[in-house]
Every structure is written in structure tokens, then in C-alpha cells.
Amino acid sequence: MAKILIIADDLTGAADCGVAFAGWGTEAFVLLGGPGSRSPDLKWKGSAGMLAIDADTRWLAPELAAESVARLVRSYCGPEDEPCLLFKKVDSTMRGNVGAELAAGLEAMRACASFSTRLPMLFAPAFPAQGRTTVNGIQMANGRPLEQAGLGRGEGAPCGDLDALLEEAGLSCGLIDLPTIRAGAGVLEVAMQRIANKVDAVICDAETEDDLRAIAQAGMALGPNLVWAGSAGLARHLANAIGLEGIRSAAPSLKWIRAPGPTLFVIGSPASVSREQANALAAAPGVARFTFAAKAVPSGGPLPDSRTLAVRIMERIANCEDVIVQLECAGRSAVNQDRELVQSLGRTIRECATKVGALVATGGETARAILDAWDVRRLRLVGEVEPGVPYSVAECGDRSLRILTKAGGFGTPGTLLHCREFLRKPASNADQGAAAAPIEGRKS
């Protein structure tokens, strides 16, 4: 079986997409790469069959994001490397440099390919489990086009017209609509092949899990000459389509070592869903909450009274209370400002790494900032608490911490309560994962 490489633009996306392959007879890791990281390119070996890399590019200018994606593709998918199935993960609400990164990934993969057959991209960004669908080539959130779904943050509403988004990046496109998706495997395979022979990217409509399942299975008929692109919704069905389901029991396992201590919840996403989840969790007994207004933090500066804040949080943790640290982002919308803020928060709560037993982080930049501050470079994916909430194990100093990550707009009001209940359960046979395989440094 070919190695599976997932390139995502943030940490929650990398974990959410990669967990689809965890336990299917292969080890699954998330590597924290990206611009400025100490070891952006790492090599897999042993039974590590899937790598999801957080390229950390969502905040970059399009040309820099494209360069980072191309570099990663060249590092892992060159002619001298083992066969590699490339999955370019995109945000299901089209945030980030979607077009630029898809174009760069496809161009780099074509340059690395050792075969002469034309190499197209299959693009299906729907994620029905989270209310993201694609209809007539328009990306929807909860039944409304992205531009009307209230998802914009200062930088403008995301573009839901997938054809326009890709063509702006220089990719020619063709659409496979819902009637064709649902016409049966034979019809769908013929349509995919016909369109793939003419354009760079084949856009696929999808409203249901059955639609995505049909797309994944029909896409396999195109052979290895294909770049996959989409959200975690497609990745879940791709694991089945490539034949991993039948070998799930072959995965080696070891007992999940649990570090003692309460759970730290860090809520950095401004999404209303995240605020609702934090409010529900804060109402539970044994939970302390610290809330900070982002507008009170000077650009590039530390959180106000950061040392006092750290001491107060550590006091609650020492008292065996779970702690919520929540950022209120009203009045602060620029991407670079948000990044500075969560990085400042990461430095402020660095000492918590040695005292907590688990971290639950909402928002990709938030999760990345905390793990960077804690010197965590790799996550071993274990499973999923609920759709969109993967859990993993990370080596943090001499401790093995449980890490749960979640995109800001995912879940129900009770999701964080569900995470807390999951983490408070006694260890069981379910708390097992693939044994860690060594990963070596590598230069591009």
C-alpha cells in the first residue's frame, strides 16, 4: 500500500483529517511543521503509513503558503521516495489560501511524478457531519452559501464558488453534479475519467455521506494518477476506499499511559459555537474559567498581568479543578493579531504542561500555539471523541499527555462537556493506540 501524505494549513485540520486513518492497520501521526519550525520536514519509517502535516500556512500570504506546500510535496513525493497518495486538506468553509495551495500541490506533484499519464485533482470539500455541503459547485454551510452564512471575520466572507476560486489560482475545472454522483458507480467513474482528461481539477458535489463514499470509491478507479483534495469528510471515506477497513485489527497497540492532573481547555476561536460550548462547560461543577478580552492586549505584547494569570491558573490546577482559558476576540479581527494573541497565551500558560493531564484546544492556531510553547512536535493519533474532535497522545517532556483538538465552528453546545466526560473515564481497552515508530529528520 502506498504511503498516505496529508498536508493541511492548520493543526486541527491535520488531526481531523488524519484521524480517519488511525487504527486502520497503520500508524497515524500529525507533525507540526511549517515556516519557522525547528524540523519542518520529517521522515516516516517503520509502520508509520500516514503522516498529516500541519504546514501552518493559513496566516501566510498566498505566494508563501503555496511555496510551503510545494516544498513539502517535493520532500515526500519525489521519484526516489516510496509511492505516496497525496491528500491536500482544505478548510470546509474555504478559509485560508485554498486556491493557491491546491494549485501549488498539484503542480509539485506533477513535477515529482515518474509517470507520463496526466495527473488531475479530485476536489470534494463537503463535510456533511458538520453541515458543510457542495451543491452546483457552491460550498454551503448549514444550507446557505458561504457568503451568506456569517462566517467572515474582518478579512471578508469566504468564497463559496469553487470554480471561481480554483480558476483564480490558474486551475481549469469541471463539475460533477449530484445527479451524476448518484447515478451509480459505472456512470460516475466514466464521468470522472472524461472530465479528468480535460481539466486540472474535478469538482464534486456532495450533500451526504453516501455521496462522499461514492466519490471516494469512483476516484480509486482513476488509478494512482490523482491528487485528492477536500475536507475531513472525504478523508473518512478514502480510508475505506483504499482498502484499509479490512486490516484494522492488524494495528499494533500499547496501553495508553495517562498523565495525572486535571484538564486544561483553551478556547481561542471566536466562533459562536465555541462560546456556547465554553458556557456549557463553565456551568459544570469543578470547572474554573478565565476570560480575556483580546482588544485589551497590545499588538505583539504579552497578556495583561500574564504572570499573575499564570499563577491563578496553576492554583486552580493544583486544586484539581479543570480550567477554561477563553479569549474574547471582539474588536480584534486581523489574522496576524489573532496569531500574536494566541502565541502570547501559549507562553503565559507554558508551566501548565507539567501539571495537567490533558489539553483540549479549540481553534487550529490556538492548539498550535500551545503545543509550540510546550515543545510538542508530534501527535500520535488514536481515535475520535465525536466527528470533528480527534484525540491523540503527545510526548511532552517526560510525560505522555492526552490532546483533544477541535475546529472552532465544529460540534454542538455539549461538545466540550462530552470531551470532559471522555477524559474522566477510567482507562479501558478503548484507550489504546498504535505503538509509536521513530521519525527521523530530513532535509528537503
Protein backbone atom coordinates (compact mmCIF):
# COMPACT_ATOMS: atom_id res chain seq x y z
CA MET A 1 0.00 0.00 0.00
CA ALA A 2 1.25 3.50 -0.84
CA LYS A 3 2.12 5.85 1.98
CA ILE A 4 -0.52 8.49 2.70
CA LEU A 5 0.55 12.11 2.99
CA ILE A 6 -1.91 14.75 4.20
CA ILE A 7 -0.95 18.41 4.02
CA ALA A 8 -3.19 20.79 5.99
CA ASP A 9 -2.95 24.51 6.64
CA ASP A 10 -3.62 24.29 10.38
CA LEU A 11 -3.34 21.83 13.24
CA THR A 12 -6.99 20.99 13.87
CA GLY A 13 -7.44 20.27 10.18
CA ALA A 14 -4.41 17.99 10.07
CA ALA A 15 -5.61 16.00 13.08
CA ASP A 16 -9.26 15.85 12.00
CA CYS A 17 -8.27 14.59 8.56
CA GLY A 18 -5.53 12.25 9.74
CA VAL A 19 -7.62 10.50 12.36
CA ALA A 20 -9.64 8.92 9.55
CA PHE A 21 -6.66 6.60 9.02
CA ALA A 22 -5.79 5.94 12.68
CA GLY A 23 -6.01 2.27 13.54
CA TRP A 24 -6.63 1.02 10.00
CA GLY A 25 -3.61 -1.29 10.11
CA THR A 26 -1.24 1.68 10.05
CA GLU A 27 0.15 4.25 12.43
CA ALA A 28 -1.07 7.81 12.04
CA PHE A 29 0.87 10.88 13.11
CA VAL A 30 0.47 14.63 12.94
CA LEU A 31 3.73 16.52 12.51
CA LEU A 32 4.00 20.17 13.49
CA GLY A 33 5.91 21.62 10.56
CA GLY A 34 5.57 24.93 8.80
CA PRO A 35 7.54 28.16 8.40
CA GLY A 36 9.93 28.81 11.27
CA SER A 37 9.55 25.40 12.91
CA ARG A 38 12.70 23.63 14.06
CA SER A 39 12.07 20.49 11.99
CA PRO A 40 9.56 21.24 9.23
CA ASP A 41 10.41 18.10 7.23
CA LEU A 42 10.36 14.76 8.99
CA LYS A 43 10.58 11.31 7.50
CA TRP A 44 8.34 8.40 8.33
CA LYS A 45 9.64 4.88 8.73
CA GLY A 46 8.60 1.54 10.16
CA SER A 47 4.84 1.01 10.21
CA ALA A 48 4.02 4.73 10.14
CA GLY A 49 1.90 4.63 7.00
CA MET A 50 0.15 8.01 7.33
CA LEU A 51 1.53 11.45 8.04
CA ALA A 52 -0.65 14.53 8.40
CA ILE A 53 1.49 17.65 8.35
CA ASP A 54 0.35 20.96 9.77
CA ALA A 55 2.04 23.25 7.26
CA ASP A 56 0.88 26.21 9.40
CA THR A 57 0.15 28.30 6.30
CA ARG A 58 -3.33 29.71 6.85
CA TRP A 59 -1.93 33.00 8.11
CA LEU A 60 0.64 33.40 5.33
CA ALA A 61 0.39 35.42 2.12
CA PRO A 62 -0.81 33.20 -0.76
CA GLU A 63 2.56 33.01 -2.51
CA LEU A 64 4.37 31.96 0.68
CA ALA A 65 1.69 29.40 1.51
CA ALA A 66 1.99 27.93 -1.98
CA GLU A 67 5.77 27.73 -1.67
CA SER A 68 5.50 25.84 1.65
CA VAL A 69 3.04 23.31 0.21
CA ALA A 70 5.19 22.73 -2.87
CA ARG A 71 8.25 22.18 -0.71
CA LEU A 72 6.50 19.56 1.38
CA VAL A 73 5.28 17.70 -1.71
CA ARG A 74 8.79 17.64 -3.14
CA SER A 75 10.15 16.41 0.19
CA TYR A 76 7.88 13.39 0.42
CA CYS A 77 6.67 12.52 -3.07
CA GLY A 78 9.79 12.61 -5.22
CA PRO A 79 10.77 9.80 -7.62
CA GLU A 80 13.26 8.44 -5.06
CA ASP A 81 10.57 8.08 -2.37
CA GLU A 82 8.06 5.31 -1.80
CA PRO A 83 4.74 5.62 -3.67
CA CYS A 84 2.68 8.31 -1.98
CA LEU A 85 -1.02 9.13 -2.04
CA LEU A 86 -1.33 12.89 -1.60
CA PHE A 87 -4.39 14.35 0.14
CA LYS A 88 -4.45 18.15 0.26
CA LYS A 89 -6.73 19.02 3.13
CA VAL A 90 -8.74 22.24 2.85
CA ASP A 91 -11.00 24.02 5.30
CA SER A 92 -14.63 23.13 4.63
CA THR A 93 -15.55 26.84 4.76
CA MET A 94 -12.76 27.79 2.34
CA ARG A 95 -10.74 29.81 4.85
CA GLY A 96 -7.07 30.27 4.12
CA ASN A 97 -5.16 30.15 0.84
CA VAL A 98 -7.23 27.33 -0.66
CA GLY A 99 -6.73 28.03 -4.36
CA ALA A 100 -3.04 28.90 -4.13
CA GLU A 101 -2.23 25.80 -2.06
CA LEU A 102 -4.20 23.42 -4.28
CA ALA A 103 -2.52 24.77 -7.41
CA ALA A 104 0.93 24.52 -5.81
CA GLY A 105 0.33 20.98 -4.57
CA LEU A 106 -0.87 19.77 -7.96
CA GLU A 107 1.99 21.43 -9.85
CA ALA A 108 4.59 19.98 -7.46
CA MET A 109 3.05 16.52 -7.62
CA ARG A 110 3.10 16.61 -11.41
CA ALA A 111 6.76 17.61 -11.36
CA CYS A 112 7.57 14.73 -8.98
CA ALA A 113 5.55 12.10 -10.85
CA SER A 114 7.57 9.35 -12.51
CA PHE A 115 4.80 8.51 -14.99
CA SER A 116 3.75 10.32 -18.14
CA THR A 117 -0.02 9.98 -17.68
CA ARG A 118 -1.80 13.26 -16.97
CA LEU A 119 -2.29 13.87 -13.24
CA PRO A 120 -5.54 15.66 -12.26
CA MET A 121 -7.04 16.67 -8.91
CA LEU A 122 -10.30 15.38 -7.43
CA PHE A 123 -11.81 18.11 -5.24
CA ALA A 124 -14.69 17.30 -2.85
CA PRO A 125 -14.67 19.70 0.15
CA ALA A 126 -18.07 18.76 1.63
CA PHE A 127 -18.24 17.69 5.30
CA PRO A 128 -21.89 16.69 5.88
CA ALA A 129 -21.29 15.74 9.52
CA GLN A 130 -20.55 19.42 10.19
CA GLY A 131 -23.23 20.90 7.91
CA ARG A 132 -20.85 21.67 5.03
CA THR A 133 -22.18 20.61 1.62
CA THR A 134 -21.46 21.32 -2.05
CA VAL A 135 -24.33 21.96 -4.47
CA ASN A 136 -23.84 23.01 -8.11
CA GLY A 137 -20.22 23.78 -7.32
CA ILE A 138 -21.17 26.17 -4.48
CA GLN A 139 -19.90 25.45 -0.98
CA MET A 140 -22.65 25.70 1.64
CA ALA A 141 -22.72 25.95 5.44
CA ASN A 142 -25.91 24.72 7.07
CA GLY A 143 -27.80 25.08 3.80
CA ARG A 144 -26.62 28.60 2.96
CA PRO A 145 -23.84 29.73 0.59
CA LEU A 146 -20.69 30.62 2.50
CA GLU A 147 -21.02 34.30 1.61
CA GLN A 148 -24.40 34.35 3.39
CA ALA A 149 -23.53 32.11 6.33
CA GLY A 150 -21.96 34.76 8.57
CA LEU A 151 -18.54 33.11 8.59
CA GLY A 152 -16.43 36.12 7.66
CA ARG A 153 -14.10 37.71 10.20
CA GLY A 154 -12.63 41.08 9.18
CA GLU A 155 -10.86 39.67 6.15
CA GLY A 156 -14.17 39.26 4.30
CA ALA A 157 -16.60 36.43 3.67
CA PRO A 158 -15.05 33.26 2.22
CA CYS A 159 -15.61 32.43 -1.44
CA GLY A 160 -18.06 29.58 -1.92
CA ASP A 161 -17.91 29.47 -5.73
CA LEU A 162 -15.41 26.64 -6.12
CA ASP A 163 -14.96 27.04 -9.85
CA ALA A 164 -14.14 30.74 -9.48
CA LEU A 165 -11.84 30.06 -6.54
CA LEU A 166 -9.77 27.48 -8.45
CA GLU A 167 -9.75 29.33 -11.76
CA GLU A 168 -8.38 32.40 -9.99
CA ALA A 169 -5.47 30.18 -8.93
CA GLY A 170 -4.90 29.12 -12.54
CA LEU A 171 -6.64 25.73 -12.45
CA SER A 172 -9.15 24.70 -15.10
CA CYS A 173 -12.22 22.99 -13.63
CA GLY A 174 -15.11 20.69 -14.42
CA LEU A 175 -18.12 19.89 -12.23
CA ILE A 176 -19.75 16.56 -11.44
CA ASP A 177 -23.23 17.36 -10.13
CA LEU A 178 -25.37 15.46 -7.65
CA PRO A 179 -27.45 13.51 -10.22
CA THR A 180 -24.23 12.11 -11.70
CA ILE A 181 -22.76 11.37 -8.25
CA ARG A 182 -25.89 9.32 -7.50
CA ALA A 183 -26.24 7.64 -10.90
CA GLY A 184 -24.23 4.57 -9.93
CA ALA A 185 -20.56 3.62 -9.81
CA GLY A 186 -20.16 2.95 -13.52
CA VAL A 187 -21.69 6.23 -14.63
CA LEU A 188 -19.71 8.19 -12.05
CA GLU A 189 -16.39 6.58 -12.96
CA VAL A 190 -16.91 7.34 -16.66
CA ALA A 191 -17.82 10.96 -15.88
CA MET A 192 -14.78 11.41 -13.66
CA GLN A 193 -12.43 9.98 -16.28
CA ARG A 194 -13.94 12.07 -19.07
CA ILE A 195 -13.65 15.34 -17.14
CA ALA A 196 -10.24 14.49 -15.65
CA ASN A 197 -8.84 14.11 -19.16
CA LYS A 198 -9.79 17.71 -19.97
CA VAL A 199 -9.21 19.82 -16.85
CA ASP A 200 -6.89 20.25 -13.87
CA ALA A 201 -9.50 19.85 -11.13
CA VAL A 202 -12.70 17.78 -10.98
CA ILE A 203 -15.11 19.44 -8.54
CA CYS A 204 -17.64 17.06 -6.96
CA ASP A 205 -20.97 17.99 -5.43
CA ALA A 206 -21.89 16.19 -2.20
CA GLU A 207 -24.66 16.54 0.38
CA THR A 208 -24.47 13.22 2.25
CA GLU A 209 -22.03 10.61 3.48
CA ASP A 210 -23.27 8.33 0.70
CA ASP A 211 -22.27 10.98 -1.84
CA LEU A 212 -18.73 11.17 -0.43
CA ARG A 213 -18.50 7.39 -0.26
CA ALA A 214 -19.40 7.15 -3.94
CA ILE A 215 -16.83 9.83 -4.83
CA ALA A 216 -14.04 8.08 -2.92
CA GLN A 217 -14.79 4.69 -4.46
CA ALA A 218 -15.13 6.04 -8.01
CA GLY A 219 -11.98 8.10 -7.63
CA MET A 220 -9.97 4.97 -6.91
CA ALA A 221 -10.87 3.75 -10.40
CA LEU A 222 -8.80 6.61 -11.81
CA GLY A 223 -5.69 4.85 -10.51
CA PRO A 224 -2.66 6.39 -8.81
CA ASN A 225 -2.53 9.35 -11.19
CA LEU A 226 -4.62 11.55 -8.94
CA VAL A 227 -4.28 14.20 -6.23
CA TRP A 228 -7.07 14.09 -3.67
CA ALA A 229 -8.33 17.34 -2.16
CA GLY A 230 -11.09 18.02 0.33
CA SER A 231 -12.02 18.23 3.98
CA ALA A 232 -12.00 15.50 6.61
CA GLY A 233 -15.38 14.39 5.26
CA LEU A 234 -13.78 12.90 2.14
CA ALA A 235 -10.80 11.51 4.06
CA ARG A 236 -13.11 9.36 6.19
CA HIS A 237 -14.36 7.52 3.11
CA LEU A 238 -11.00 7.41 1.37
CA ALA A 239 -9.60 5.22 4.16
CA ASN A 240 -12.26 2.64 3.32
CA ALA A 241 -11.94 3.04 -0.45
CA ILE A 242 -8.21 2.28 -0.48
CA GLY A 243 -8.84 -1.00 1.35
CA LEU A 244 -7.77 -0.22 4.91
CA GLU A 245 -11.02 -1.27 6.58
CA GLY A 246 -10.29 -4.98 6.32
CA ILE A 247 -6.96 -4.70 8.14
CA ARG A 248 -7.96 -2.60 11.13
CA SER A 249 -7.27 -5.40 13.59
CA ALA A 250 -3.68 -5.66 12.36
CA ALA A 251 -2.68 -2.42 14.10
CA PRO A 252 -0.22 -2.96 16.98
CA SER A 253 -1.30 -1.38 20.25
CA LEU A 254 0.01 -0.40 23.64
CA LYS A 255 -1.68 0.74 26.82
CA TRP A 256 -2.41 4.45 26.80
CA ILE A 257 -0.29 5.96 29.58
CA ARG A 258 -2.29 8.67 31.29
CA ALA A 259 -0.51 11.60 32.91
CA PRO A 260 -2.09 12.64 36.22
CA GLY A 261 -3.78 16.00 36.55
CA PRO A 262 -6.91 17.90 35.53
CA THR A 263 -7.76 19.10 32.03
CA LEU A 264 -6.90 22.48 30.53
CA PHE A 265 -9.43 23.80 28.00
CA VAL A 266 -8.18 26.63 25.80
CA ILE A 267 -10.83 28.36 23.66
CA GLY A 268 -9.24 30.67 21.11
CA SER A 269 -11.83 30.54 18.35
CA PRO A 270 -14.26 33.48 18.00
CA ALA A 271 -16.99 31.22 16.58
CA SER A 272 -20.36 31.46 18.35
CA VAL A 273 -20.43 27.66 18.59
CA SER A 274 -17.23 27.75 20.65
CA ARG A 275 -18.68 30.36 23.02
CA GLU A 276 -21.78 28.23 23.57
CA GLN A 277 -19.62 25.19 24.26
CA ALA A 278 -17.48 27.13 26.75
CA ASN A 279 -20.56 28.44 28.56
CA ALA A 280 -21.99 24.96 28.92
CA LEU A 281 -18.70 23.61 30.26
CA ALA A 282 -18.22 26.52 32.69
CA ALA A 283 -21.59 25.72 34.29
CA ALA A 284 -20.37 22.26 35.31
CA PRO A 285 -19.03 21.71 38.85
CA GLY A 286 -15.28 21.67 39.36
CA VAL A 287 -14.52 23.98 36.40
CA ALA A 288 -12.80 27.37 36.71
CA ARG A 289 -12.92 29.88 33.85
CA PHE A 290 -10.59 32.75 32.96
CA THR A 291 -11.78 35.06 30.17
CA PHE A 292 -9.72 37.73 28.46
CA ALA A 293 -10.75 40.45 26.03
CA ALA A 294 -8.44 40.40 23.02
CA LYS A 295 -8.83 44.15 22.49
CA ALA A 296 -7.03 44.72 25.80
CA VAL A 297 -3.85 43.07 24.52
CA PRO A 298 -1.39 45.38 22.72
CA SER A 299 -0.19 44.18 19.32
CA GLY A 300 2.82 41.94 19.81
CA GLY A 301 2.68 42.33 23.58
CA PRO A 302 2.00 39.90 26.43
CA LEU A 303 -1.36 39.30 28.04
CA PRO A 304 -2.07 41.88 30.77
CA ASP A 305 -0.66 40.69 34.11
CA SER A 306 0.45 37.46 32.44
CA ARG A 307 2.47 36.30 35.45
CA THR A 308 -0.47 36.83 37.80
CA LEU A 309 -2.69 35.00 35.33
CA ALA A 310 -0.33 32.04 35.20
CA VAL A 311 -0.22 31.83 38.99
CA ARG A 312 -4.02 31.92 39.30
CA ILE A 313 -4.43 29.18 36.69
CA MET A 314 -1.80 27.00 38.35
CA GLU A 315 -3.54 27.45 41.72
CA ARG A 316 -6.78 26.07 40.29
CA ILE A 317 -4.98 23.18 38.62
CA ALA A 318 -3.18 22.37 41.89
CA ASN A 319 -6.64 22.25 43.46
CA CYS A 320 -7.55 19.53 40.89
CA GLU A 321 -10.01 21.77 39.07
CA ASP A 322 -10.41 21.68 35.32
CA VAL A 323 -9.64 25.11 33.85
CA ILE A 324 -11.04 27.02 30.87
CA VAL A 325 -8.92 29.79 29.37
CA GLN A 326 -11.08 31.70 26.91
CA LEU A 327 -10.22 34.56 24.57
CA GLU A 328 -12.91 37.02 23.57
CA CYS A 329 -11.88 38.38 20.18
CA ALA A 330 -14.38 41.21 19.72
CA GLY A 331 -12.66 44.25 18.23
CA ARG A 332 -9.63 42.28 17.06
CA SER A 333 -10.14 40.65 13.68
CA ALA A 334 -6.87 40.70 11.73
CA VAL A 335 -5.29 37.29 11.28
CA ASN A 336 -1.83 38.45 12.37
CA GLN A 337 -3.29 39.97 15.54
CA ASP A 338 -5.05 36.75 16.43
CA ARG A 339 -1.83 34.84 15.90
CA GLU A 340 0.14 37.18 18.18
CA LEU A 341 -2.54 36.82 20.82
CA VAL A 342 -2.61 33.03 20.95
CA GLN A 343 1.18 32.87 20.89
CA SER A 344 1.26 35.20 23.89
CA LEU A 345 -1.27 32.97 25.62
CA GLY A 346 0.85 29.90 24.85
CA ARG A 347 3.85 31.47 26.56
CA THR A 348 1.72 32.53 29.52
CA ILE A 349 0.46 29.01 30.29
CA ARG A 350 3.65 27.17 29.41
CA GLU A 351 4.08 25.92 33.01
CA CYS A 352 0.76 24.09 32.81
CA ALA A 353 2.39 21.42 30.63
CA THR A 354 3.92 19.74 33.67
CA LYS A 355 0.75 19.80 35.78
CA VAL A 356 -2.24 18.95 33.60
CA GLY A 357 -3.21 15.51 32.40
CA ALA A 358 -4.86 16.61 29.17
CA LEU A 359 -5.29 19.57 26.83
CA VAL A 360 -8.45 20.39 24.88
CA ALA A 361 -7.84 23.18 22.36
CA THR A 362 -10.44 24.87 20.16
CA GLY A 363 -9.12 26.58 17.02
CA GLY A 364 -6.16 25.46 14.93
CA GLU A 365 -3.91 28.44 15.68
CA THR A 366 -4.72 28.15 19.38
CA ALA A 367 -3.81 24.46 19.51
CA ARG A 368 -0.62 25.08 17.55
CA ALA A 369 0.47 27.99 19.77
CA ILE A 370 0.02 25.95 22.95
CA LEU A 371 1.85 22.89 21.63
CA ASP A 372 4.68 25.04 20.25
CA ALA A 373 5.09 26.62 23.68
CA TRP A 374 5.09 23.13 25.22
CA ASP A 375 7.76 21.91 22.76
CA VAL A 376 5.46 19.26 21.29
CA ARG A 377 6.48 18.37 17.73
CA ARG A 378 4.38 15.28 17.01
CA LEU A 379 0.97 13.84 17.87
CA ARG A 380 0.13 10.14 17.68
CA LEU A 381 -3.50 9.92 16.57
CA VAL A 382 -5.59 7.39 18.48
CA GLY A 383 -9.27 7.94 17.70
CA GLU A 384 -12.17 10.35 17.77
CA VAL A 385 -14.42 11.54 20.59
CA GLU A 386 -17.08 12.65 18.10
CA PRO A 387 -16.97 13.80 14.47
CA GLY A 388 -14.50 16.66 14.22
CA VAL A 389 -12.89 16.02 17.63
CA PRO A 390 -9.85 13.73 17.28
CA TYR A 391 -7.80 12.66 20.28
CA SER A 392 -4.11 11.88 20.34
CA VAL A 393 -1.12 11.31 22.59
CA ALA A 394 1.89 13.63 22.71
CA GLU A 395 5.23 13.29 24.43
CA CYS A 396 5.69 16.43 26.49
CA GLY A 397 8.97 16.30 28.36
CA ASP A 398 8.88 13.03 30.30
CA ARG A 399 5.09 12.79 30.24
CA SER A 400 2.51 11.41 27.79
CA LEU A 401 -0.36 13.90 27.53
CA ARG A 402 -3.78 13.39 26.00
CA ILE A 403 -4.57 16.03 23.41
CA LEU A 404 -8.04 16.78 22.00
CA THR A 405 -8.37 19.33 19.21
CA LYS A 406 -11.42 20.88 17.58
CA ALA A 407 -12.04 23.45 14.87
CA GLY A 408 -13.88 26.48 16.22
CA GLY A 409 -17.09 26.05 14.23
CA PHE A 410 -17.49 22.32 14.87
CA GLY A 411 -19.69 20.48 17.32
CA THR A 412 -22.81 21.03 19.40
CA PRO A 413 -23.25 23.09 22.60
CA GLY A 414 -22.40 19.97 24.61
CA THR A 415 -19.19 19.03 22.77
CA LEU A 416 -16.74 20.28 25.40
CA LEU A 417 -18.76 18.60 28.14
CA HIS A 418 -18.54 15.41 26.11
CA CYS A 419 -14.76 15.87 25.89
CA ARG A 420 -14.54 16.27 29.65
CA GLU A 421 -16.61 13.15 30.26
CA PHE A 422 -14.43 11.20 27.84
CA LEU A 423 -11.23 12.27 29.59
CA ARG A 424 -12.59 11.48 33.06
CA LYS A 425 -13.49 7.89 32.23
CA PRO A 426 -11.24 5.15 33.66
CA ALA A 427 -8.69 3.70 31.26
CA SER A 428 -10.13 0.85 29.21
CA ASN A 429 -9.38 -1.26 26.19
CA ALA A 430 -10.63 1.62 24.04
CA ASP A 431 -7.74 3.74 25.29
CA GLN A 432 -5.19 2.04 23.13
CA GLY A 433 -3.41 3.16 20.02
CA ALA A 434 -0.68 2.27 17.60
CA ALA A 435 2.79 1.95 19.06
CA ALA A 436 4.97 4.91 18.18
CA ALA A 437 7.50 4.43 15.39
CA PRO A 438 10.66 6.52 15.16
CA ILE A 439 10.65 9.51 12.87
CA GLU A 440 13.92 10.87 11.55
CA GLY A 441 14.89 14.35 10.48
CA ARG A 442 15.08 15.02 6.79
CA LYS A 443 16.06 17.90 4.55
CA SER A 444 14.05 18.91 1.53
